[in-house]
Amino acid sequence: MRLAVLFVLISILAGCGNCESTNCENGACDGRTCVCEDGYVGQSCELQAKPKAIRITRVELSELPDEPFESRVWDDDTSTAKANLPDVVLQVRLGTSQDLTFTSIERFPDTDERAFVFDRNMDFKIENIFPELRLTVADLDTPKPTPIYSIIVSGYYNPVNGFPEIISGEDENGAEYVLHLEYDP
């Protein structure tokens, strides 16, 4: 009888050392300890850690409504049929701030397009707090860029949804956005 009890105890202890009884939600077991993936903490790697920064590496805008683009003549130049159309650039602001966080180097001169991709030199960080983003398509031909259309993006960081590489959505006018994200743990 004592030998049987001793055998059961040895089996249980041996099982504890090889991760059979350890559940690591966002990590891997090493012995009886969870080694968490970047961005997760806790005894079972069950808690998402807030990243130090989120980097936006690409913004895609599509289905922008026609009306804001066509509601005015954007340039005084009428030398060609398209010369009075906007020269589109992307501006990004955080929350209600008027300060620019980012201005794209992509330029879409005299365009009648309603879909744009901005990804050249777009590696900018949002640190510590993650307020809503204001993505503004603007015309560059005036003395300072004139806003054409803005999309508000909220919830690109959520403390329980992991760390998605792509966030997409649509505003009340049907304009669509896709953000490509990277995280600094």
N, C-alpha and C. Protein backbone atom coordinates (compact mmCIF):
# COMPACT_ATOMS: atom_id res chain seq x y z
N MET A 1 0.82 -1.18 0.00
CA MET A 1 0.00 0.00 0.00
C MET A 1 0.87 1.26 0.00
N ARG A 2 1.88 1.30 0.88
CA ARG A 2 2.76 2.46 0.91
C ARG A 2 3.49 2.63 -0.42
N LEU A 3 3.86 1.56 -1.00
CA LEU A 3 4.55 1.61 -2.28
C LEU A 3 3.64 2.19 -3.36
N ALA A 4 2.36 1.85 -3.34
CA ALA A 4 1.40 2.37 -4.32
C ALA A 4 1.21 3.88 -4.13
N VAL A 5 1.10 4.34 -2.87
CA VAL A 5 0.94 5.76 -2.58
C VAL A 5 2.20 6.51 -3.03
N LEU A 6 3.36 5.97 -2.75
CA LEU A 6 4.62 6.58 -3.15
C LEU A 6 4.70 6.68 -4.67
N PHE A 7 4.28 5.65 -5.37
CA PHE A 7 4.29 5.65 -6.82
C PHE A 7 3.36 6.74 -7.38
N VAL A 8 2.16 6.91 -6.79
CA VAL A 8 1.20 7.93 -7.23
C VAL A 8 1.78 9.33 -7.00
N LEU A 9 2.39 9.57 -5.83
CA LEU A 9 2.98 10.87 -5.53
C LEU A 9 4.11 11.19 -6.50
N ILE A 10 4.97 10.24 -6.79
CA ILE A 10 6.06 10.45 -7.74
C ILE A 10 5.50 10.77 -9.12
N SER A 11 4.45 10.09 -9.53
CA SER A 11 3.82 10.34 -10.84
C SER A 11 3.23 11.74 -10.91
N ILE A 12 2.58 12.16 -9.81
CA ILE A 12 1.98 13.50 -9.79
C ILE A 12 3.07 14.56 -9.86
N LEU A 13 4.12 14.41 -9.07
CA LEU A 13 5.20 15.39 -9.08
C LEU A 13 5.91 15.43 -10.43
N ALA A 14 6.08 14.29 -11.03
CA ALA A 14 6.72 14.24 -12.34
C ALA A 14 5.86 14.95 -13.38
N GLY A 15 4.55 14.79 -13.30
CA GLY A 15 3.63 15.45 -14.21
C GLY A 15 3.65 16.96 -14.04
N CYS A 16 3.81 17.45 -12.82
CA CYS A 16 3.85 18.89 -12.57
C CYS A 16 5.08 19.52 -13.21
N GLY A 17 6.14 18.81 -13.29
CA GLY A 17 7.37 19.36 -13.85
C GLY A 17 7.38 19.41 -15.35
N ASN A 18 6.43 18.76 -16.02
CA ASN A 18 6.49 18.73 -17.47
C ASN A 18 5.31 19.44 -18.14
N CYS A 19 4.71 20.39 -17.45
CA CYS A 19 3.71 21.28 -18.01
C CYS A 19 2.34 20.64 -18.28
N GLU A 20 2.11 19.41 -17.88
CA GLU A 20 0.81 18.79 -18.15
C GLU A 20 -0.32 19.51 -17.42
N SER A 21 -0.04 20.08 -16.28
CA SER A 21 -1.09 20.73 -15.51
C SER A 21 -1.02 22.26 -15.59
N THR A 22 -0.17 22.81 -16.43
CA THR A 22 -0.02 24.25 -16.54
C THR A 22 -0.63 24.73 -17.85
N ASN A 23 -1.54 25.70 -17.76
CA ASN A 23 -2.18 26.27 -18.95
C ASN A 23 -1.63 27.67 -19.18
N CYS A 24 -0.87 27.84 -20.23
CA CYS A 24 -0.31 29.14 -20.59
C CYS A 24 -1.12 29.67 -21.77
N GLU A 25 -1.98 30.66 -21.50
CA GLU A 25 -2.90 31.16 -22.53
C GLU A 25 -2.20 31.84 -23.69
N ASN A 26 -1.21 32.66 -23.41
CA ASN A 26 -0.50 33.41 -24.45
C ASN A 26 1.00 33.26 -24.24
N GLY A 27 1.43 32.03 -24.20
CA GLY A 27 2.83 31.75 -23.96
C GLY A 27 3.08 30.26 -24.01
N ALA A 28 4.24 29.88 -23.53
CA ALA A 28 4.62 28.47 -23.52
C ALA A 28 5.11 28.10 -22.12
N CYS A 29 4.93 26.85 -21.80
CA CYS A 29 5.33 26.36 -20.49
C CYS A 29 6.78 25.90 -20.54
N ASP A 30 7.52 26.27 -19.50
CA ASP A 30 8.90 25.83 -19.33
C ASP A 30 9.00 25.30 -17.91
N GLY A 31 9.00 23.99 -17.77
CA GLY A 31 8.89 23.39 -16.45
C GLY A 31 7.46 23.57 -15.99
N ARG A 32 7.24 24.26 -14.92
CA ARG A 32 5.88 24.59 -14.48
C ARG A 32 5.62 26.09 -14.57
N THR A 33 6.45 26.81 -15.29
CA THR A 33 6.34 28.26 -15.39
C THR A 33 5.98 28.67 -16.81
N CYS A 34 5.06 29.63 -16.90
CA CYS A 34 4.69 30.15 -18.21
C CYS A 34 5.69 31.23 -18.63
N VAL A 35 6.16 31.11 -19.86
CA VAL A 35 6.99 32.14 -20.48
C VAL A 35 6.08 32.85 -21.48
N CYS A 36 5.74 34.09 -21.18
CA CYS A 36 4.72 34.82 -21.94
C CYS A 36 5.25 35.36 -23.26
N GLU A 37 4.36 35.41 -24.25
CA GLU A 37 4.66 36.08 -25.51
C GLU A 37 4.77 37.57 -25.23
N ASP A 38 5.45 38.31 -26.12
CA ASP A 38 5.53 39.76 -25.98
C ASP A 38 4.13 40.34 -25.88
N GLY A 39 3.95 41.23 -24.92
CA GLY A 39 2.66 41.90 -24.78
C GLY A 39 1.72 41.25 -23.79
N TYR A 40 2.13 40.14 -23.17
CA TYR A 40 1.27 39.46 -22.20
C TYR A 40 2.01 39.24 -20.90
N VAL A 41 1.27 39.29 -19.80
CA VAL A 41 1.82 39.10 -18.46
C VAL A 41 0.85 38.25 -17.65
N GLY A 42 1.26 37.91 -16.45
CA GLY A 42 0.41 37.12 -15.54
C GLY A 42 0.94 35.72 -15.39
N GLN A 43 0.48 35.05 -14.35
CA GLN A 43 0.95 33.69 -14.05
C GLN A 43 0.69 32.73 -15.20
N SER A 44 -0.45 32.91 -15.89
CA SER A 44 -0.78 32.06 -17.03
C SER A 44 -0.75 32.84 -18.34
N CYS A 45 -0.07 33.99 -18.35
CA CYS A 45 0.01 34.86 -19.52
C CYS A 45 -1.39 35.27 -19.99
N GLU A 46 -2.28 35.46 -19.03
CA GLU A 46 -3.68 35.73 -19.34
C GLU A 46 -4.01 37.21 -19.50
N LEU A 47 -3.08 38.09 -19.12
CA LEU A 47 -3.35 39.53 -19.16
C LEU A 47 -2.58 40.20 -20.29
N GLN A 48 -3.29 41.02 -21.07
CA GLN A 48 -2.64 41.78 -22.13
C GLN A 48 -1.97 43.01 -21.51
N ALA A 49 -0.69 43.17 -21.75
CA ALA A 49 0.03 44.35 -21.27
C ALA A 49 -0.15 45.48 -22.28
N LYS A 50 -0.35 46.68 -21.80
CA LYS A 50 -0.50 47.83 -22.69
C LYS A 50 0.84 48.08 -23.39
N PRO A 51 0.84 48.19 -24.71
CA PRO A 51 2.11 48.46 -25.41
C PRO A 51 2.62 49.86 -25.09
N LYS A 52 3.93 50.02 -25.19
CA LYS A 52 4.52 51.35 -24.99
C LYS A 52 4.16 52.28 -26.15
N ALA A 53 4.06 51.69 -27.33
CA ALA A 53 3.74 52.49 -28.51
C ALA A 53 3.08 51.61 -29.56
N ILE A 54 2.29 52.24 -30.40
CA ILE A 54 1.72 51.59 -31.58
C ILE A 54 2.27 52.34 -32.78
N ARG A 55 2.77 51.59 -33.74
CA ARG A 55 3.28 52.19 -34.97
C ARG A 55 2.30 51.91 -36.11
N ILE A 56 1.94 52.94 -36.81
CA ILE A 56 1.08 52.80 -37.99
C ILE A 56 2.00 52.80 -39.20
N THR A 57 1.95 51.72 -39.96
CA THR A 57 2.88 51.56 -41.07
C THR A 57 2.22 51.72 -42.44
N ARG A 58 0.88 51.74 -42.47
CA ARG A 58 0.17 51.88 -43.75
C ARG A 58 -1.26 52.30 -43.45
N VAL A 59 -1.78 53.21 -44.26
CA VAL A 59 -3.18 53.61 -44.19
C VAL A 59 -3.77 53.48 -45.58
N GLU A 60 -4.90 52.77 -45.64
CA GLU A 60 -5.63 52.63 -46.90
C GLU A 60 -7.00 53.26 -46.71
N LEU A 61 -7.37 54.15 -47.61
CA LEU A 61 -8.68 54.80 -47.58
C LEU A 61 -9.39 54.48 -48.88
N SER A 62 -10.68 54.16 -48.80
CA SER A 62 -11.45 53.88 -50.01
C SER A 62 -12.91 54.28 -49.80
N GLU A 63 -13.64 54.29 -50.88
CA GLU A 63 -15.06 54.64 -50.87
C GLU A 63 -15.31 56.03 -50.28
N LEU A 64 -14.33 56.94 -50.46
CA LEU A 64 -14.54 58.30 -49.98
C LEU A 64 -15.68 58.93 -50.78
N PRO A 65 -16.56 59.67 -50.12
CA PRO A 65 -17.72 60.23 -50.84
C PRO A 65 -17.31 61.29 -51.86
N ASP A 66 -18.04 61.36 -52.95
CA ASP A 66 -17.75 62.30 -54.04
C ASP A 66 -17.96 63.75 -53.63
N GLU A 67 -18.99 64.02 -52.87
CA GLU A 67 -19.42 65.40 -52.59
C GLU A 67 -18.31 66.30 -52.06
N PRO A 68 -17.53 65.91 -51.04
CA PRO A 68 -16.49 66.84 -50.56
C PRO A 68 -15.44 67.18 -51.63
N PHE A 69 -15.16 66.24 -52.51
CA PHE A 69 -14.18 66.48 -53.57
C PHE A 69 -14.74 67.40 -54.65
N GLU A 70 -16.02 67.26 -54.93
CA GLU A 70 -16.63 67.99 -56.04
C GLU A 70 -17.34 69.27 -55.62
N SER A 71 -17.35 69.57 -54.32
CA SER A 71 -18.12 70.71 -53.83
C SER A 71 -17.46 72.05 -54.13
N ARG A 72 -16.23 72.03 -54.60
CA ARG A 72 -15.56 73.29 -54.93
C ARG A 72 -14.45 73.06 -55.95
N VAL A 73 -13.98 74.12 -56.55
CA VAL A 73 -12.82 74.06 -57.42
C VAL A 73 -11.61 74.21 -56.51
N TRP A 74 -10.71 73.25 -56.55
CA TRP A 74 -9.62 73.23 -55.59
C TRP A 74 -8.45 74.12 -55.98
N ASP A 75 -8.25 74.33 -57.27
CA ASP A 75 -7.11 75.12 -57.73
C ASP A 75 -7.59 76.17 -58.73
N ASP A 76 -6.85 77.25 -58.79
CA ASP A 76 -7.17 78.30 -59.77
C ASP A 76 -6.73 77.91 -61.17
N ASP A 77 -5.80 76.99 -61.25
CA ASP A 77 -5.26 76.57 -62.55
C ASP A 77 -6.33 75.84 -63.36
N THR A 78 -6.58 76.28 -64.55
CA THR A 78 -7.53 75.60 -65.44
C THR A 78 -6.87 75.23 -66.76
N SER A 79 -5.54 75.07 -66.74
CA SER A 79 -4.80 74.80 -67.98
C SER A 79 -5.12 73.43 -68.57
N THR A 80 -5.59 72.49 -67.74
CA THR A 80 -6.01 71.18 -68.24
C THR A 80 -7.35 70.84 -67.61
N ALA A 81 -7.98 69.82 -68.12
CA ALA A 81 -9.29 69.43 -67.60
C ALA A 81 -9.24 69.00 -66.13
N LYS A 82 -8.07 68.52 -65.68
CA LYS A 82 -7.96 68.03 -64.31
C LYS A 82 -7.18 68.97 -63.39
N ALA A 83 -6.71 70.10 -63.91
CA ALA A 83 -5.83 70.97 -63.15
C ALA A 83 -6.49 71.57 -61.91
N ASN A 84 -7.81 71.67 -61.92
CA ASN A 84 -8.49 72.27 -60.77
C ASN A 84 -8.87 71.25 -59.70
N LEU A 85 -8.48 70.01 -59.88
CA LEU A 85 -8.78 68.96 -58.90
C LEU A 85 -7.76 69.01 -57.75
N PRO A 86 -8.09 68.42 -56.61
CA PRO A 86 -7.19 68.50 -55.45
C PRO A 86 -5.92 67.67 -55.62
N ASP A 87 -4.88 68.15 -54.97
CA ASP A 87 -3.61 67.42 -54.85
C ASP A 87 -3.63 66.79 -53.46
N VAL A 88 -3.95 65.52 -53.40
CA VAL A 88 -4.28 64.86 -52.14
C VAL A 88 -3.04 64.44 -51.36
N VAL A 89 -3.11 64.69 -50.05
CA VAL A 89 -2.10 64.29 -49.08
C VAL A 89 -2.86 63.81 -47.84
N LEU A 90 -2.23 62.97 -47.02
CA LEU A 90 -2.85 62.50 -45.77
C LEU A 90 -2.24 63.25 -44.59
N GLN A 91 -3.11 63.70 -43.69
CA GLN A 91 -2.68 64.30 -42.43
C GLN A 91 -3.31 63.48 -41.30
N VAL A 92 -2.54 63.29 -40.22
CA VAL A 92 -3.05 62.54 -39.07
C VAL A 92 -2.92 63.41 -37.83
N ARG A 93 -4.01 63.48 -37.08
CA ARG A 93 -4.03 64.19 -35.79
C ARG A 93 -4.55 63.21 -34.74
N LEU A 94 -4.16 63.46 -33.47
CA LEU A 94 -4.61 62.63 -32.36
C LEU A 94 -5.74 63.34 -31.62
N GLY A 95 -6.84 62.62 -31.43
CA GLY A 95 -7.96 63.18 -30.69
C GLY A 95 -8.45 64.48 -31.28
N THR A 96 -8.68 65.45 -30.42
CA THR A 96 -9.19 66.75 -30.87
C THR A 96 -8.07 67.76 -31.11
N SER A 97 -6.84 67.33 -31.01
CA SER A 97 -5.69 68.23 -31.19
C SER A 97 -5.65 68.76 -32.62
N GLN A 98 -5.23 69.99 -32.76
CA GLN A 98 -5.01 70.58 -34.08
C GLN A 98 -3.59 70.33 -34.57
N ASP A 99 -2.74 69.80 -33.67
CA ASP A 99 -1.35 69.54 -34.03
C ASP A 99 -1.26 68.32 -34.93
N LEU A 100 -0.48 68.44 -35.98
CA LEU A 100 -0.26 67.31 -36.88
C LEU A 100 0.69 66.31 -36.25
N THR A 101 0.31 65.04 -36.28
CA THR A 101 1.18 63.96 -35.86
C THR A 101 1.98 63.45 -37.04
N PHE A 102 1.37 63.51 -38.21
CA PHE A 102 2.00 62.95 -39.40
C PHE A 102 1.41 63.61 -40.65
N THR A 103 2.25 63.82 -41.66
CA THR A 103 1.83 64.22 -43.00
C THR A 103 2.53 63.30 -43.98
N SER A 104 1.77 62.71 -44.88
CA SER A 104 2.34 61.74 -45.81
C SER A 104 3.24 62.41 -46.84
N ILE A 105 4.18 61.63 -47.36
CA ILE A 105 4.99 62.13 -48.47
C ILE A 105 4.35 61.76 -49.80
N GLU A 106 3.37 60.85 -49.78
CA GLU A 106 2.64 60.53 -51.01
C GLU A 106 1.82 61.73 -51.43
N ARG A 107 1.83 62.01 -52.70
CA ARG A 107 1.04 63.09 -53.27
C ARG A 107 0.28 62.52 -54.44
N PHE A 108 -0.99 62.85 -54.51
CA PHE A 108 -1.83 62.43 -55.62
C PHE A 108 -2.28 63.71 -56.33
N PRO A 109 -1.47 64.20 -57.30
CA PRO A 109 -1.77 65.50 -57.91
C PRO A 109 -2.98 65.46 -58.84
N ASP A 110 -3.78 66.52 -58.76
CA ASP A 110 -4.94 66.71 -59.64
C ASP A 110 -5.74 65.42 -59.80
N THR A 111 -6.15 64.85 -58.69
CA THR A 111 -6.77 63.53 -58.74
C THR A 111 -8.28 63.57 -58.63
N ASP A 112 -8.90 62.68 -59.34
CA ASP A 112 -10.34 62.47 -59.17
C ASP A 112 -10.59 61.10 -58.54
N GLU A 113 -9.55 60.49 -58.00
CA GLU A 113 -9.66 59.20 -57.32
C GLU A 113 -10.39 59.35 -56.00
N ARG A 114 -10.94 58.24 -55.48
CA ARG A 114 -11.59 58.23 -54.17
C ARG A 114 -11.06 57.10 -53.30
N ALA A 115 -9.89 56.57 -53.69
CA ALA A 115 -9.21 55.53 -52.90
C ALA A 115 -7.72 55.84 -52.92
N PHE A 116 -7.09 55.73 -51.74
CA PHE A 116 -5.68 56.10 -51.61
C PHE A 116 -4.98 55.14 -50.67
N VAL A 117 -3.70 54.89 -50.96
CA VAL A 117 -2.84 54.10 -50.08
C VAL A 117 -1.66 54.98 -49.71
N PHE A 118 -1.40 55.07 -48.41
CA PHE A 118 -0.28 55.84 -47.89
C PHE A 118 0.61 54.89 -47.10
N ASP A 119 1.83 54.65 -47.60
CA ASP A 119 2.72 53.73 -46.89
C ASP A 119 4.20 54.09 -46.99
N ARG A 120 4.55 55.07 -47.78
CA ARG A 120 5.96 55.46 -47.89
C ARG A 120 6.35 56.28 -46.67
N ASN A 121 7.40 55.88 -45.99
CA ASN A 121 7.89 56.58 -44.79
C ASN A 121 6.79 56.81 -43.76
N MET A 122 5.91 55.83 -43.60
CA MET A 122 4.76 56.02 -42.72
C MET A 122 4.97 55.41 -41.35
N ASP A 123 6.15 55.15 -40.96
CA ASP A 123 6.40 54.51 -39.67
C ASP A 123 6.40 55.57 -38.57
N PHE A 124 5.21 55.92 -38.07
CA PHE A 124 5.15 56.87 -36.97
C PHE A 124 4.50 56.22 -35.76
N LYS A 125 4.91 56.69 -34.58
CA LYS A 125 4.48 56.07 -33.33
C LYS A 125 3.44 56.92 -32.62
N ILE A 126 2.55 56.21 -31.94
CA ILE A 126 1.63 56.83 -30.99
C ILE A 126 1.99 56.20 -29.66
N GLU A 127 2.40 57.02 -28.70
CA GLU A 127 2.94 56.49 -27.45
C GLU A 127 2.03 56.74 -26.26
N ASN A 128 2.10 55.82 -25.31
CA ASN A 128 1.49 55.90 -23.98
C ASN A 128 -0.03 55.89 -23.99
N ILE A 129 -0.67 56.92 -24.51
CA ILE A 129 -2.13 56.92 -24.58
C ILE A 129 -2.50 56.75 -26.04
N PHE A 130 -3.67 56.19 -26.26
CA PHE A 130 -4.06 55.88 -27.63
C PHE A 130 -5.42 56.51 -27.95
N PRO A 131 -5.43 57.85 -28.12
CA PRO A 131 -6.69 58.54 -28.41
C PRO A 131 -7.16 58.22 -29.82
N GLU A 132 -8.38 58.64 -30.12
CA GLU A 132 -8.86 58.42 -31.48
C GLU A 132 -7.95 59.13 -32.47
N LEU A 133 -7.95 58.62 -33.69
CA LEU A 133 -7.16 59.21 -34.77
C LEU A 133 -8.09 59.97 -35.70
N ARG A 134 -7.61 61.08 -36.21
CA ARG A 134 -8.33 61.82 -37.24
C ARG A 134 -7.49 61.74 -38.50
N LEU A 135 -7.95 60.97 -39.47
CA LEU A 135 -7.27 60.81 -40.75
C LEU A 135 -7.91 61.79 -41.72
N THR A 136 -7.15 62.77 -42.18
CA THR A 136 -7.70 63.81 -43.05
C THR A 136 -7.02 63.77 -44.41
N VAL A 137 -7.83 63.65 -45.44
CA VAL A 137 -7.36 63.82 -46.80
C VAL A 137 -7.45 65.32 -47.07
N ALA A 138 -6.33 65.91 -47.50
CA ALA A 138 -6.27 67.37 -47.69
C ALA A 138 -5.70 67.71 -49.06
N ASP A 139 -6.04 68.93 -49.52
CA ASP A 139 -5.50 69.46 -50.77
C ASP A 139 -4.27 70.31 -50.45
N LEU A 140 -3.22 70.14 -51.23
CA LEU A 140 -1.96 70.84 -50.96
C LEU A 140 -1.74 72.12 -51.75
N ASP A 141 -2.58 72.46 -52.70
CA ASP A 141 -2.28 73.57 -53.59
C ASP A 141 -2.51 74.96 -53.01
N THR A 142 -3.20 75.05 -51.93
CA THR A 142 -3.46 76.36 -51.34
C THR A 142 -2.28 76.74 -50.44
N PRO A 143 -2.22 77.95 -49.89
CA PRO A 143 -1.08 78.32 -49.04
C PRO A 143 -0.84 77.33 -47.90
N LYS A 144 -1.88 76.74 -47.36
CA LYS A 144 -1.72 75.65 -46.41
C LYS A 144 -2.72 74.57 -46.80
N PRO A 145 -2.44 73.33 -46.45
CA PRO A 145 -3.37 72.25 -46.84
C PRO A 145 -4.80 72.51 -46.36
N THR A 146 -5.75 72.27 -47.26
CA THR A 146 -7.16 72.46 -46.97
C THR A 146 -7.82 71.09 -46.81
N PRO A 147 -8.45 70.83 -45.67
CA PRO A 147 -9.10 69.53 -45.48
C PRO A 147 -10.19 69.29 -46.51
N ILE A 148 -10.20 68.07 -47.03
CA ILE A 148 -11.25 67.65 -47.96
C ILE A 148 -12.23 66.75 -47.22
N TYR A 149 -11.69 65.72 -46.53
CA TYR A 149 -12.55 64.75 -45.84
C TYR A 149 -11.77 64.14 -44.68
N SER A 150 -12.45 63.92 -43.55
CA SER A 150 -11.81 63.32 -42.38
C SER A 150 -12.57 62.07 -41.94
N ILE A 151 -11.80 61.11 -41.48
CA ILE A 151 -12.35 59.88 -40.90
C ILE A 151 -11.82 59.79 -39.47
N ILE A 152 -12.71 59.55 -38.53
CA ILE A 152 -12.33 59.38 -37.13
C ILE A 152 -12.22 57.88 -36.86
N VAL A 153 -11.08 57.46 -36.29
CA VAL A 153 -10.85 56.05 -35.98
C VAL A 153 -10.67 55.92 -34.47
N SER A 154 -11.59 55.22 -33.84
CA SER A 154 -11.50 54.94 -32.40
C SER A 154 -11.31 53.45 -32.21
N GLY A 155 -10.74 53.08 -31.08
CA GLY A 155 -10.64 51.66 -30.73
C GLY A 155 -9.59 50.87 -31.48
N TYR A 156 -8.58 51.53 -32.03
CA TYR A 156 -7.53 50.77 -32.72
C TYR A 156 -6.68 50.01 -31.72
N TYR A 157 -6.73 50.43 -30.43
CA TYR A 157 -6.12 49.61 -29.37
C TYR A 157 -7.20 49.29 -28.36
N ASN A 158 -7.30 48.01 -28.02
CA ASN A 158 -8.26 47.53 -27.04
C ASN A 158 -7.52 46.60 -26.10
N PRO A 159 -7.63 46.78 -24.78
CA PRO A 159 -6.81 45.99 -23.86
C PRO A 159 -7.19 44.52 -23.75
N VAL A 160 -8.15 44.05 -24.52
CA VAL A 160 -8.50 42.63 -24.44
C VAL A 160 -8.54 41.92 -25.79
N ASN A 161 -8.27 42.62 -26.87
CA ASN A 161 -8.38 42.00 -28.19
C ASN A 161 -7.05 41.59 -28.80
N GLY A 162 -6.02 41.49 -27.98
CA GLY A 162 -4.73 41.10 -28.53
C GLY A 162 -4.10 42.25 -29.30
N PHE A 163 -3.25 41.91 -30.24
CA PHE A 163 -2.49 42.90 -30.98
C PHE A 163 -2.68 42.67 -32.48
N PRO A 164 -3.84 43.05 -33.01
CA PRO A 164 -4.09 42.81 -34.43
C PRO A 164 -3.14 43.63 -35.32
N GLU A 165 -2.74 43.03 -36.41
CA GLU A 165 -1.87 43.72 -37.35
C GLU A 165 -2.65 44.66 -38.26
N ILE A 166 -3.95 44.40 -38.42
CA ILE A 166 -4.79 45.20 -39.30
C ILE A 166 -6.08 45.54 -38.58
N ILE A 167 -6.45 46.82 -38.64
CA ILE A 167 -7.73 47.30 -38.12
C ILE A 167 -8.45 47.94 -39.29
N SER A 168 -9.71 47.61 -39.47
CA SER A 168 -10.47 48.20 -40.57
C SER A 168 -11.84 48.63 -40.07
N GLY A 169 -12.45 49.53 -40.81
CA GLY A 169 -13.77 49.99 -40.45
C GLY A 169 -14.34 50.91 -41.51
N GLU A 170 -15.50 51.45 -41.17
CA GLU A 170 -16.25 52.30 -42.09
C GLU A 170 -16.90 53.41 -41.28
N ASP A 171 -16.92 54.62 -41.83
CA ASP A 171 -17.59 55.71 -41.12
C ASP A 171 -19.05 55.80 -41.55
N GLU A 172 -19.77 56.79 -41.00
CA GLU A 172 -21.21 56.91 -41.25
C GLU A 172 -21.54 57.22 -42.70
N ASN A 173 -20.57 57.68 -43.49
CA ASN A 173 -20.81 57.97 -44.91
C ASN A 173 -20.37 56.83 -45.82
N GLY A 174 -19.90 55.74 -45.25
CA GLY A 174 -19.45 54.60 -46.04
C GLY A 174 -17.99 54.64 -46.43
N ALA A 175 -17.27 55.67 -45.99
CA ALA A 175 -15.82 55.72 -46.27
C ALA A 175 -15.15 54.62 -45.46
N GLU A 176 -14.24 53.91 -46.09
CA GLU A 176 -13.58 52.77 -45.45
C GLU A 176 -12.12 53.07 -45.17
N TYR A 177 -11.60 52.49 -44.08
CA TYR A 177 -10.19 52.65 -43.74
C TYR A 177 -9.62 51.29 -43.34
N VAL A 178 -8.34 51.14 -43.59
CA VAL A 178 -7.57 49.98 -43.13
C VAL A 178 -6.27 50.54 -42.58
N LEU A 179 -5.97 50.21 -41.32
CA LEU A 179 -4.71 50.61 -40.68
C LEU A 179 -3.86 49.38 -40.48
N HIS A 180 -2.59 49.45 -40.83
CA HIS A 180 -1.64 48.38 -40.58
C HIS A 180 -0.81 48.81 -39.36
N LEU A 181 -0.79 47.96 -38.34
CA LEU A 181 -0.20 48.32 -37.05
C LEU A 181 0.92 47.39 -36.63
N GLU A 182 1.87 47.94 -35.90
CA GLU A 182 2.90 47.17 -35.20
C GLU A 182 2.96 47.71 -33.78
N TYR A 183 3.43 46.90 -32.84
CA TYR A 183 3.41 47.26 -31.42
C TYR A 183 4.79 47.22 -30.83
N ASP A 184 5.07 48.17 -29.94
CA ASP A 184 6.31 48.16 -29.14
C ASP A 184 5.91 47.73 -27.73
N PRO A 185 6.29 46.50 -27.34
CA PRO A 185 5.87 45.98 -26.03
C PRO A 185 6.48 46.74 -24.86
